Amino acid sequence: MEIIKNYISLQNICIYLLLINLLGFIIMYIDKRKAQKQKWRIPEKTLLYVTLLGGGIGSIIGMYTFRHKTQKVKFLFGFPIITIIEIIFLAYFIWKVYFV
């Protein structure tokens, strides 16, 4: 675990999570605007991948802020479920690496 502590700091984890959640929020905005203008859209897989990579909170905030994808079950339930699982995993990881 000492090796992980040397390469993955809590600061780096926080910076990564901030950036990936900002990306999640921004792509929900971009996709909503493209939908309104009937232009090429961001694939749903991309929206889900950003959530899977840790951007769930930003994606959820973007989803409700822009009222985008709120009628689709896989987004309405998928984003929160993925996010909750990731928070539990991250809390466990941080606890094991930094506090045990």
Protein backbone atom coordinates (compact mmCIF):
# COMPACT_ATOMS: atom_id res chain seq x y z
CA MET A 1 0.00 0.00 0.00
CA GLU A 2 2.98 2.27 0.58
CA ILE A 3 3.69 2.24 -3.17
CA ILE A 4 0.16 3.43 -3.90
CA LYS A 5 0.49 6.24 -1.33
CA ASN A 6 3.65 7.43 -3.06
CA TYR A 7 2.04 7.65 -6.50
CA ILE A 8 -1.60 8.43 -5.78
CA SER A 9 -2.01 11.27 -3.31
CA LEU A 10 -5.33 12.40 -1.88
CA GLN A 11 -4.72 15.74 -3.57
CA ASN A 12 -4.40 14.05 -6.97
CA ILE A 13 -7.57 12.03 -6.35
CA CYS A 14 -9.47 15.22 -5.47
CA ILE A 15 -8.15 17.06 -8.54
CA TYR A 16 -9.09 14.14 -10.79
CA LEU A 17 -12.60 13.91 -9.32
CA LEU A 18 -13.10 17.66 -9.66
CA LEU A 19 -12.06 17.60 -13.32
CA ILE A 20 -14.03 14.48 -14.32
CA ASN A 21 -17.16 15.83 -12.63
CA LEU A 22 -16.73 19.18 -14.35
CA LEU A 23 -16.44 17.27 -17.63
CA GLY A 24 -19.65 15.36 -16.80
CA PHE A 25 -21.49 18.60 -16.14
CA ILE A 26 -20.17 20.24 -19.32
CA ILE A 27 -20.98 17.34 -21.64
CA MET A 28 -24.55 17.24 -20.33
CA TYR A 29 -24.81 20.95 -21.19
CA ILE A 30 -23.29 20.47 -24.64
CA ASP A 31 -25.51 17.48 -25.43
CA LYS A 32 -28.63 19.36 -24.32
CA ARG A 33 -27.77 22.35 -26.52
CA LYS A 34 -27.08 20.07 -29.49
CA ALA A 35 -30.41 18.32 -28.91
CA GLN A 36 -32.24 21.66 -28.93
CA LYS A 37 -30.56 22.65 -32.19
CA GLN A 38 -31.10 19.17 -33.67
CA LYS A 39 -27.39 18.73 -34.34
CA TRP A 40 -25.06 15.77 -33.97
CA ARG A 41 -25.23 14.51 -30.37
CA ILE A 42 -22.77 13.11 -27.89
CA PRO A 43 -23.29 9.32 -27.83
CA GLU A 44 -25.08 7.98 -24.76
CA LYS A 45 -22.17 5.58 -24.25
CA THR A 46 -19.86 8.56 -23.80
CA LEU A 47 -22.15 10.06 -21.16
CA LEU A 48 -22.17 6.74 -19.32
CA TYR A 49 -18.39 6.30 -19.61
CA VAL A 50 -17.76 9.69 -18.02
CA THR A 51 -20.01 8.63 -15.15
CA LEU A 52 -18.18 5.30 -14.86
CA LEU A 53 -14.85 7.12 -14.72
CA GLY A 54 -15.97 9.05 -11.63
CA GLY A 55 -17.99 11.90 -13.11
CA GLY A 56 -21.34 10.81 -11.72
CA ILE A 57 -21.98 13.76 -9.42
CA GLY A 58 -21.26 16.29 -12.18
CA SER A 59 -23.35 14.32 -14.66
CA ILE A 60 -26.29 14.09 -12.26
CA ILE A 61 -26.11 17.81 -11.46
CA GLY A 62 -25.93 18.55 -15.21
CA MET A 63 -28.80 16.19 -15.94
CA TYR A 64 -31.13 18.03 -13.55
CA THR A 65 -29.78 21.54 -14.15
CA PHE A 66 -30.35 21.27 -17.90
CA ARG A 67 -33.32 18.86 -17.66
CA HIS A 68 -31.52 16.49 -19.97
CA LYS A 69 -32.01 12.70 -20.11
CA THR A 70 -34.33 12.84 -17.08
CA GLN A 71 -36.94 10.68 -18.84
CA LYS A 72 -34.53 7.86 -19.68
CA VAL A 73 -34.50 5.11 -17.06
CA LYS A 74 -30.86 4.13 -17.63
CA PHE A 75 -29.80 7.69 -16.81
CA LEU A 76 -32.39 8.38 -14.11
CA PHE A 77 -31.38 5.29 -12.13
CA GLY A 78 -28.04 4.36 -13.70
CA PHE A 79 -26.16 7.55 -12.87
CA PRO A 80 -27.07 7.49 -9.15
CA ILE A 81 -26.43 3.74 -8.78
CA ILE A 82 -23.03 3.98 -10.47
CA THR A 83 -22.17 7.04 -8.38
CA ILE A 84 -23.14 5.41 -5.08
CA ILE A 85 -21.08 2.30 -5.89
CA GLU A 86 -18.09 4.47 -6.82
CA ILE A 87 -18.34 6.53 -3.63
CA ILE A 88 -18.41 3.35 -1.53
CA PHE A 89 -15.43 1.93 -3.45
CA LEU A 90 -13.47 5.18 -3.19
CA ALA A 91 -14.16 5.52 0.54
CA TYR A 92 -13.00 1.92 1.08
CA PHE A 93 -9.88 2.49 -1.05
CA ILE A 94 -8.94 5.70 0.79
CA TRP A 95 -9.59 4.08 4.16
CA LYS A 96 -7.41 1.04 3.35
CA VAL A 97 -4.56 3.00 1.78
CA TYR A 98 -4.36 6.06 4.01
CA PHE A 99 -5.85 5.14 7.38
CA VAL A 100 -5.12 1.46 8.01
